[in-house]
Full PDB file with SEQRES, HELIX, SHEET, SSBOND, CRYST1, ORIGX, SCALE, CONECT and MASTER records, all heavy atoms in Angstrom:
SEQRES   1 A   31  LEU GLU CYS GLN THR THR PRO TYR SER ILE LEU VAL GLU          
SEQRES   2 A   31  PRO TRP ALA SER PRO ALA PHE GLU ILE THR PRO ASP GLU          
SEQRES   3 A   31  ARG CYS ALA ILE VAL                                          
SHEET    1 AA1 2 TYR A   8  ILE A  10  0                                        
SHEET    2 AA1 2 PHE A  20  ILE A  22 -1                                        
CRYST1    1.000    1.000    1.000  90.00  90.00  90.00 P 1           1          
ORIGX1      1.000000  0.000000  0.000000        0.00000                         
ORIGX2      0.000000  1.000000  0.000000        0.00000                         
ORIGX3      0.000000  0.000000  1.000000        0.00000                         
SCALE1      1.000000  0.000000  0.000000        0.00000                         
SCALE2      0.000000  1.000000  0.000000        0.00000                         
SCALE3      0.000000  0.000000  1.000000        0.00000                         
ATOM      1  N   LEU A   1      -2.615   1.333   4.172  1.00  0.00           N  
ATOM      2  CA  LEU A   1      -2.449   2.556   3.383  1.00  0.00           C  
ATOM      3  C   LEU A   1      -3.017   2.343   1.987  1.00  0.00           C  
ATOM      4  O   LEU A   1      -2.839   1.280   1.400  1.00  0.00           O  
ATOM      5  CB  LEU A   1      -0.962   2.894   3.261  1.00  0.00           C  
ATOM      6  CG  LEU A   1      -0.204   3.001   4.579  1.00  0.00           C  
ATOM      7  CD1 LEU A   1       1.284   2.854   4.335  1.00  0.00           C  
ATOM      8  CD2 LEU A   1      -0.516   4.317   5.238  1.00  0.00           C  
ATOM      9  N   GLU A   2      -3.686   3.366   1.470  1.00  0.00           N  
ATOM     10  CA  GLU A   2      -4.093   3.323   0.076  1.00  0.00           C  
ATOM     11  C   GLU A   2      -4.065   4.727  -0.493  1.00  0.00           C  
ATOM     12  O   GLU A   2      -4.038   5.707   0.238  1.00  0.00           O  
ATOM     13  CB  GLU A   2      -5.455   2.671  -0.122  1.00  0.00           C  
ATOM     14  CG  GLU A   2      -6.564   3.153   0.734  1.00  0.00           C  
ATOM     15  CD  GLU A   2      -7.847   2.379   0.451  1.00  0.00           C  
ATOM     16  OE1 GLU A   2      -8.014   1.268   0.968  1.00  0.00           O  
ATOM     17  OE2 GLU A   2      -8.676   2.928  -0.294  1.00  0.00           O  
ATOM     18  N   CYS A   3      -4.006   4.797  -1.791  1.00  0.00           N  
ATOM     19  CA  CYS A   3      -3.949   6.060  -2.506  1.00  0.00           C  
ATOM     20  C   CYS A   3      -5.076   6.061  -3.513  1.00  0.00           C  
ATOM     21  O   CYS A   3      -5.187   5.137  -4.316  1.00  0.00           O  
ATOM     22  CB  CYS A   3      -2.589   6.180  -3.194  1.00  0.00           C  
ATOM     23  SG  CYS A   3      -2.427   7.635  -4.213  1.00  0.00           S  
ATOM     24  N   GLN A   4      -5.927   7.091  -3.480  1.00  0.00           N  
ATOM     25  CA  GLN A   4      -7.059   7.118  -4.398  1.00  0.00           C  
ATOM     26  C   GLN A   4      -6.832   8.031  -5.597  1.00  0.00           C  
ATOM     27  O   GLN A   4      -7.308   7.735  -6.683  1.00  0.00           O  
ATOM     28  CB  GLN A   4      -8.313   7.526  -3.646  1.00  0.00           C  
ATOM     29  CG  GLN A   4      -8.675   6.493  -2.600  1.00  0.00           C  
ATOM     30  CD  GLN A   4      -9.896   6.874  -1.809  1.00  0.00           C  
ATOM     31  OE1 GLN A   4     -10.428   7.967  -1.946  1.00  0.00           O  
ATOM     32  NE2 GLN A   4     -10.354   5.967  -0.965  1.00  0.00           N  
ATOM     33  N   THR A   5      -6.104   9.136  -5.418  1.00  0.00           N  
ATOM     34  CA  THR A   5      -5.937  10.069  -6.537  1.00  0.00           C  
ATOM     35  C   THR A   5      -4.486  10.504  -6.764  1.00  0.00           C  
ATOM     36  O   THR A   5      -3.945  10.282  -7.825  1.00  0.00           O  
ATOM     37  CB  THR A   5      -6.807  11.323  -6.345  1.00  0.00           C  
ATOM     38  OG1 THR A   5      -6.477  11.931  -5.098  1.00  0.00           O  
ATOM     39  CG2 THR A   5      -8.290  10.979  -6.384  1.00  0.00           C  
ATOM     40  N   THR A   6      -3.870  11.123  -5.759  1.00  0.00           N  
ATOM     41  CA  THR A   6      -2.533  11.696  -5.916  1.00  0.00           C  
ATOM     42  C   THR A   6      -1.500  10.845  -5.190  1.00  0.00           C  
ATOM     43  O   THR A   6      -1.662  10.555  -3.999  1.00  0.00           O  
ATOM     44  CB  THR A   6      -2.501  13.127  -5.332  1.00  0.00           C  
ATOM     45  OG1 THR A   6      -3.532  13.887  -5.962  1.00  0.00           O  
ATOM     46  CG2 THR A   6      -1.167  13.785  -5.579  1.00  0.00           C  
ATOM     47  N   PRO A   7      -0.430  10.437  -5.874  1.00  0.00           N  
ATOM     48  CA  PRO A   7       0.625   9.665  -5.199  1.00  0.00           C  
ATOM     49  C   PRO A   7       1.198  10.434  -4.005  1.00  0.00           C  
ATOM     50  O   PRO A   7       1.215  11.669  -4.007  1.00  0.00           O  
ATOM     51  CB  PRO A   7       1.694   9.487  -6.283  1.00  0.00           C  
ATOM     52  CG  PRO A   7       0.978   9.683  -7.567  1.00  0.00           C  
ATOM     53  CD  PRO A   7      -0.119  10.672  -7.276  1.00  0.00           C  
ATOM     54  N   TYR A   8       1.646   9.701  -3.002  1.00  0.00           N  
ATOM     55  CA  TYR A   8       2.293  10.334  -1.856  1.00  0.00           C  
ATOM     56  C   TYR A   8       3.384   9.426  -1.312  1.00  0.00           C  
ATOM     57  O   TYR A   8       3.473   8.259  -1.666  1.00  0.00           O  
ATOM     58  CB  TYR A   8       1.275  10.701  -0.766  1.00  0.00           C  
ATOM     59  CG  TYR A   8       0.570   9.548  -0.114  1.00  0.00           C  
ATOM     60  CD1 TYR A   8       1.052   8.980   1.062  1.00  0.00           C  
ATOM     61  CD2 TYR A   8      -0.595   9.004  -0.663  1.00  0.00           C  
ATOM     62  CE1 TYR A   8       0.400   7.921   1.671  1.00  0.00           C  
ATOM     63  CE2 TYR A   8      -1.256   7.951  -0.059  1.00  0.00           C  
ATOM     64  CZ  TYR A   8      -0.750   7.427   1.108  1.00  0.00           C  
ATOM     65  OH  TYR A   8      -1.403   6.376   1.701  1.00  0.00           O  
ATOM     66  N   SER A   9       4.219   9.987  -0.450  1.00  0.00           N  
ATOM     67  CA  SER A   9       5.315   9.206   0.129  1.00  0.00           C  
ATOM     68  C   SER A   9       5.060   8.965   1.607  1.00  0.00           C  
ATOM     69  O   SER A   9       4.315   9.701   2.256  1.00  0.00           O  
ATOM     70  CB  SER A   9       6.651   9.920  -0.065  1.00  0.00           C  
ATOM     71  OG  SER A   9       6.638  11.156   0.614  1.00  0.00           O  
ATOM     72  N   ILE A  10       5.713   7.922   2.122  1.00  0.00           N  
ATOM     73  CA  ILE A  10       5.615   7.549   3.533  1.00  0.00           C  
ATOM     74  C   ILE A  10       7.032   7.429   4.070  1.00  0.00           C  
ATOM     75  O   ILE A  10       7.898   6.811   3.443  1.00  0.00           O  
ATOM     76  CB  ILE A  10       4.910   6.198   3.696  1.00  0.00           C  
ATOM     77  CG1 ILE A  10       3.510   6.284   3.125  1.00  0.00           C  
ATOM     78  CG2 ILE A  10       4.866   5.770   5.152  1.00  0.00           C  
ATOM     79  CD1 ILE A  10       2.974   4.952   2.759  1.00  0.00           C  
ATOM     80  N   LEU A  11       7.265   7.999   5.240  1.00  0.00           N  
ATOM     81  CA  LEU A  11       8.560   7.904   5.909  1.00  0.00           C  
ATOM     82  C   LEU A  11       8.312   7.328   7.293  1.00  0.00           C  
ATOM     83  O   LEU A  11       7.355   7.726   7.967  1.00  0.00           O  
ATOM     84  CB  LEU A  11       9.197   9.285   6.019  1.00  0.00           C  
ATOM     85  CG  LEU A  11      10.598   9.340   6.595  1.00  0.00           C  
ATOM     86  CD1 LEU A  11      11.596   8.699   5.629  1.00  0.00           C  
ATOM     87  CD2 LEU A  11      10.994  10.777   6.850  1.00  0.00           C  
ATOM     88  N   VAL A  12       9.132   6.372   7.714  1.00  0.00           N  
ATOM     89  CA  VAL A  12       8.978   5.761   9.038  1.00  0.00           C  
ATOM     90  C   VAL A  12      10.160   6.196   9.906  1.00  0.00           C  
ATOM     91  O   VAL A  12      11.312   5.961   9.570  1.00  0.00           O  
ATOM     92  CB  VAL A  12       8.910   4.221   8.946  1.00  0.00           C  
ATOM     93  CG1 VAL A  12       8.718   3.618  10.332  1.00  0.00           C  
ATOM     94  CG2 VAL A  12       7.787   3.781   8.017  1.00  0.00           C  
ATOM     95  N   GLU A  13       9.848   6.866  11.007  1.00  0.00           N  
ATOM     96  CA  GLU A  13      10.856   7.340  11.951  1.00  0.00           C  
ATOM     97  C   GLU A  13      10.841   6.448  13.186  1.00  0.00           C  
ATOM     98  O   GLU A  13       9.823   5.862  13.485  1.00  0.00           O  
ATOM     99  CB  GLU A  13      10.547   8.789  12.374  1.00  0.00           C  
ATOM    100  CG  GLU A  13      10.564   9.790  11.234  1.00  0.00           C  
ATOM    101  CD  GLU A  13      11.959  10.125  10.754  1.00  0.00           C  
ATOM    102  OE1 GLU A  13      12.954   9.611  11.324  1.00  0.00           O  
ATOM    103  OE2 GLU A  13      12.069  10.883   9.799  1.00  0.00           O  
ATOM    104  N   PRO A  14      11.888   6.330  13.940  1.00  0.00           N  
ATOM    105  CA  PRO A  14      13.119   7.113  13.943  1.00  0.00           C  
ATOM    106  C   PRO A  14      14.211   6.571  13.022  1.00  0.00           C  
ATOM    107  O   PRO A  14      15.329   7.042  13.065  1.00  0.00           O  
ATOM    108  CB  PRO A  14      13.570   7.050  15.392  1.00  0.00           C  
ATOM    109  CG  PRO A  14      13.136   5.712  15.865  1.00  0.00           C  
ATOM    110  CD  PRO A  14      11.840   5.449  15.128  1.00  0.00           C  
ATOM    111  N   TRP A  15      13.914   5.601  12.180  1.00  0.00           N  
ATOM    112  CA  TRP A  15      14.941   5.033  11.304  1.00  0.00           C  
ATOM    113  C   TRP A  15      15.298   5.953  10.145  1.00  0.00           C  
ATOM    114  O   TRP A  15      16.306   5.746   9.500  1.00  0.00           O  
ATOM    115  CB  TRP A  15      14.471   3.712  10.700  1.00  0.00           C  
ATOM    116  CG  TRP A  15      14.271   2.604  11.670  1.00  0.00           C  
ATOM    117  CD1 TRP A  15      15.238   1.758  12.152  1.00  0.00           C  
ATOM    118  CD2 TRP A  15      13.053   2.178  12.256  1.00  0.00           C  
ATOM    119  NE1 TRP A  15      14.686   0.849  12.999  1.00  0.00           N  
ATOM    120  CE2 TRP A  15      13.337   1.075  13.086  1.00  0.00           C  
ATOM    121  CE3 TRP A  15      11.743   2.625  12.162  1.00  0.00           C  
ATOM    122  CZ2 TRP A  15      12.359   0.419  13.810  1.00  0.00           C  
ATOM    123  CZ3 TRP A  15      10.772   1.968  12.888  1.00  0.00           C  
ATOM    124  CH2 TRP A  15      11.082   0.876  13.705  1.00  0.00           C  
ATOM    125  N   ALA A  16      14.433   6.924   9.830  1.00  0.00           N  
ATOM    126  CA  ALA A  16      14.576   7.726   8.608  1.00  0.00           C  
ATOM    127  C   ALA A  16      14.689   6.766   7.429  1.00  0.00           C  
ATOM    128  O   ALA A  16      15.620   6.791   6.644  1.00  0.00           O  
ATOM    129  CB  ALA A  16      15.766   8.670   8.677  1.00  0.00           C  
ATOM    130  N   SER A  17      13.717   5.889   7.380  1.00  0.00           N  
ATOM    131  CA  SER A  17      13.663   4.844   6.363  1.00  0.00           C  
ATOM    132  C   SER A  17      13.657   5.452   4.971  1.00  0.00           C  
ATOM    133  O   SER A  17      13.412   6.642   4.812  1.00  0.00           O  
ATOM    134  CB  SER A  17      12.384   4.032   6.552  1.00  0.00           C  
ATOM    135  OG  SER A  17      11.259   4.830   6.218  1.00  0.00           O  
ATOM    136  N   PRO A  18      13.869   4.627   3.964  1.00  0.00           N  
ATOM    137  CA  PRO A  18      13.662   5.164   2.618  1.00  0.00           C  
ATOM    138  C   PRO A  18      12.211   5.607   2.491  1.00  0.00           C  
ATOM    139  O   PRO A  18      11.329   5.032   3.124  1.00  0.00           O  
ATOM    140  CB  PRO A  18      13.951   3.971   1.706  1.00  0.00           C  
ATOM    141  CG  PRO A  18      14.036   2.771   2.568  1.00  0.00           C  
ATOM    142  CD  PRO A  18      14.220   3.218   3.975  1.00  0.00           C  
ATOM    143  N   ALA A  19      11.972   6.645   1.712  1.00  0.00           N  
ATOM    144  CA  ALA A  19      10.593   7.093   1.495  1.00  0.00           C  
ATOM    145  C   ALA A  19       9.919   6.109   0.540  1.00  0.00           C  
ATOM    146  O   ALA A  19      10.446   5.828  -0.522  1.00  0.00           O  
ATOM    147  CB  ALA A  19      10.582   8.500   0.932  1.00  0.00           C  
ATOM    148  N   PHE A  20       8.794   5.594   0.954  1.00  0.00           N  
ATOM    149  CA  PHE A  20       8.033   4.665   0.130  1.00  0.00           C  
ATOM    150  C   PHE A  20       6.976   5.454  -0.620  1.00  0.00           C  
ATOM    151  O   PHE A  20       6.253   6.241  -0.019  1.00  0.00           O  
ATOM    152  CB  PHE A  20       7.363   3.600   1.001  1.00  0.00           C  
ATOM    153  CG  PHE A  20       8.318   2.875   1.899  1.00  0.00           C  
ATOM    154  CD1 PHE A  20       8.304   3.085   3.257  1.00  0.00           C  
ATOM    155  CD2 PHE A  20       9.249   1.990   1.370  1.00  0.00           C  
ATOM    156  CE1 PHE A  20       9.188   2.417   4.085  1.00  0.00           C  
ATOM    157  CE2 PHE A  20      10.133   1.318   2.183  1.00  0.00           C  
ATOM    158  CZ  PHE A  20      10.109   1.534   3.551  1.00  0.00           C  
ATOM    159  N   GLU A  21       6.880   5.264  -1.912  1.00  0.00           N  
ATOM    160  CA  GLU A  21       5.880   5.944  -2.735  1.00  0.00           C  
ATOM    161  C   GLU A  21       4.668   5.037  -2.918  1.00  0.00           C  
ATOM    162  O   GLU A  21       4.814   3.851  -3.208  1.00  0.00           O  
ATOM    163  CB  GLU A  21       6.449   6.287  -4.104  1.00  0.00           C  
ATOM    164  CG  GLU A  21       7.569   7.306  -4.065  1.00  0.00           C  
ATOM    165  CD  GLU A  21       7.098   8.702  -3.700  1.00  0.00           C  
ATOM    166  OE1 GLU A  21       5.998   9.097  -4.132  1.00  0.00           O  
ATOM    167  OE2 GLU A  21       7.837   9.392  -2.983  1.00  0.00           O  
ATOM    168  N   ILE A  22       3.477   5.631  -2.763  1.00  0.00           N  
ATOM    169  CA  ILE A  22       2.239   4.899  -3.002  1.00  0.00           C  
ATOM    170  C   ILE A  22       1.506   5.611  -4.140  1.00  0.00           C  
ATOM    171  O   ILE A  22       1.360   6.827  -4.124  1.00  0.00           O  
ATOM    172  CB  ILE A  22       1.369   4.855  -1.739  1.00  0.00           C  
ATOM    173  CG1 ILE A  22       2.097   4.086  -0.666  1.00  0.00           C  
ATOM    174  CG2 ILE A  22       0.022   4.238  -2.045  1.00  0.00           C  
ATOM    175  CD1 ILE A  22       1.293   3.756   0.529  1.00  0.00           C  
ATOM    176  N   THR A  23       1.076   4.839  -5.119  1.00  0.00           N  
ATOM    177  CA  THR A  23       0.389   5.396  -6.277  1.00  0.00           C  
ATOM    178  C   THR A  23      -1.089   4.995  -6.254  1.00  0.00           C  
ATOM    179  O   THR A  23      -1.482   4.098  -5.511  1.00  0.00           O  
ATOM    180  CB  THR A  23       1.064   4.909  -7.582  1.00  0.00           C  
ATOM    181  OG1 THR A  23       1.056   3.490  -7.600  1.00  0.00           O  
ATOM    182  CG2 THR A  23       2.498   5.399  -7.676  1.00  0.00           C  
ATOM    183  N   PRO A  24      -1.914   5.663  -7.076  1.00  0.00           N  
ATOM    184  CA  PRO A  24      -3.351   5.361  -7.058  1.00  0.00           C  
ATOM    185  C   PRO A  24      -3.656   3.876  -7.231  1.00  0.00           C  
ATOM    186  O   PRO A  24      -2.985   3.169  -7.981  1.00  0.00           O  
ATOM    187  CB  PRO A  24      -3.886   6.183  -8.242  1.00  0.00           C  
ATOM    188  CG  PRO A  24      -2.959   7.350  -8.302  1.00  0.00           C  
ATOM    189  CD  PRO A  24      -1.600   6.772  -7.969  1.00  0.00           C  
ATOM    190  N   ASP A  25      -4.660   3.455  -6.473  1.00  0.00           N  
ATOM    191  CA  ASP A  25      -5.183   2.085  -6.487  1.00  0.00           C  
ATOM    192  C   ASP A  25      -4.246   1.045  -5.886  1.00  0.00           C  
ATOM    193  O   ASP A  25      -4.513  -0.151  -5.989  1.00  0.00           O  
ATOM    194  CB  ASP A  25      -5.598   1.657  -7.905  1.00  0.00           C  
ATOM    195  CG  ASP A  25      -6.721   2.541  -8.427  1.00  0.00           C  
ATOM    196  OD1 ASP A  25      -7.601   2.908  -7.635  1.00  0.00           O  
ATOM    197  OD2 ASP A  25      -6.693   2.873  -9.623  1.00  0.00           O  
ATOM    198  N   GLU A  26      -3.150   1.466  -5.267  1.00  0.00           N  
ATOM    199  CA  GLU A  26      -2.271   0.514  -4.568  1.00  0.00           C  
ATOM    200  C   GLU A  26      -2.772   0.303  -3.151  1.00  0.00           C  
ATOM    201  O   GLU A  26      -3.265   1.229  -2.517  1.00  0.00           O  
ATOM    202  CB  GLU A  26      -0.832   1.042  -4.491  1.00  0.00           C  
ATOM    203  CG  GLU A  26      -0.025   0.793  -5.699  1.00  0.00           C  
ATOM    204  CD  GLU A  26       1.448   1.069  -5.449  1.00  0.00           C  
ATOM    205  OE1 GLU A  26       1.791   2.141  -4.954  1.00  0.00           O  
ATOM    206  OE2 GLU A  26       2.238   0.179  -5.788  1.00  0.00           O  
ATOM    207  N   ARG A  27      -2.607  -0.894  -2.670  1.00  0.00           N  
ATOM    208  CA  ARG A  27      -2.905  -1.214  -1.265  1.00  0.00           C  
ATOM    209  C   ARG A  27      -1.589  -1.616  -0.614  1.00  0.00           C  
ATOM    210  O   ARG A  27      -0.934  -2.566  -1.058  1.00  0.00           O  
ATOM    211  CB  ARG A  27      -3.926  -2.326  -1.167  1.00  0.00           C  
ATOM    212  CG  ARG A  27      -5.286  -1.911  -1.632  1.00  0.00           C  
ATOM    213  CD  ARG A  27      -6.329  -2.939  -1.233  1.00  0.00           C  
ATOM    214  NE  ARG A  27      -7.649  -2.506  -1.634  1.00  0.00           N  
ATOM    215  CZ  ARG A  27      -8.425  -1.735  -0.899  1.00  0.00           C  
ATOM    216  NH1 ARG A  27      -8.016  -1.308   0.273  1.00  0.00           N  
ATOM    217  NH2 ARG A  27      -9.626  -1.402  -1.324  1.00  0.00           N  
ATOM    218  N   CYS A  28      -1.225  -0.878   0.423  1.00  0.00           N  
ATOM    219  CA  CYS A  28       0.044  -1.115   1.107  1.00  0.00           C  
ATOM    220  C   CYS A  28      -0.199  -1.113   2.614  1.00  0.00           C  
ATOM    221  O   CYS A  28      -1.280  -0.774   3.080  1.00  0.00           O  
ATOM    222  CB  CYS A  28       1.056  -0.017   0.752  1.00  0.00           C  
ATOM    223  SG  CYS A  28       1.405   0.098  -1.012  1.00  0.00           S  
ATOM    224  N   ALA A  29       0.840  -1.483   3.359  1.00  0.00           N  
ATOM    225  CA  ALA A  29       0.743  -1.465   4.818  1.00  0.00           C  
ATOM    226  C   ALA A  29       2.136  -1.299   5.412  1.00  0.00           C  
ATOM    227  O   ALA A  29       3.130  -1.737   4.834  1.00  0.00           O  
ATOM    228  CB  ALA A  29       0.121  -2.753   5.338  1.00  0.00           C  
ATOM    229  N   ILE A  30       2.166  -0.659   6.559  1.00  0.00           N  
ATOM    230  CA  ILE A  30       3.350  -0.646   7.410  1.00  0.00           C  
ATOM    231  C   ILE A  30       3.006  -1.547   8.577  1.00  0.00           C  
ATOM    232  O   ILE A  30       1.994  -1.345   9.252  1.00  0.00           O  
ATOM    233  CB  ILE A  30       3.686   0.777   7.916  1.00  0.00           C  
ATOM    234  CG1 ILE A  30       4.001   1.724   6.754  1.00  0.00           C  
ATOM    235  CG2 ILE A  30       4.829   0.730   8.934  1.00  0.00           C  
ATOM    236  CD1 ILE A  30       5.306   1.467   6.042  1.00  0.00           C  
ATOM    237  N   VAL A  31       3.825  -2.568   8.805  1.00  0.00           N  
ATOM    238  CA  VAL A  31       3.609  -3.504   9.904  1.00  0.00           C  
ATOM    239  C   VAL A  31       4.767  -3.329  10.883  1.00  0.00           C  
ATOM    240  O   VAL A  31       5.917  -3.603  10.545  1.00  0.00           O  
ATOM    241  CB  VAL A  31       3.555  -4.963   9.401  1.00  0.00           C  
ATOM    242  CG1 VAL A  31       3.319  -5.916  10.560  1.00  0.00           C  
ATOM    243  CG2 VAL A  31       2.478  -5.123   8.329  1.00  0.00           C  
TER     244      VAL A  31                                                      
MASTER        0    0    0    0    2    0    0    6  243    1    0    3          
END                                                                             
């Protein structure tokens, strides 16, 4: 996952995990 301009959130189901926020220029991953 990466964000180039506008921050966004990620939710992982079926756990209804906490929403993870990704901001510009961050590199993230769901494994």
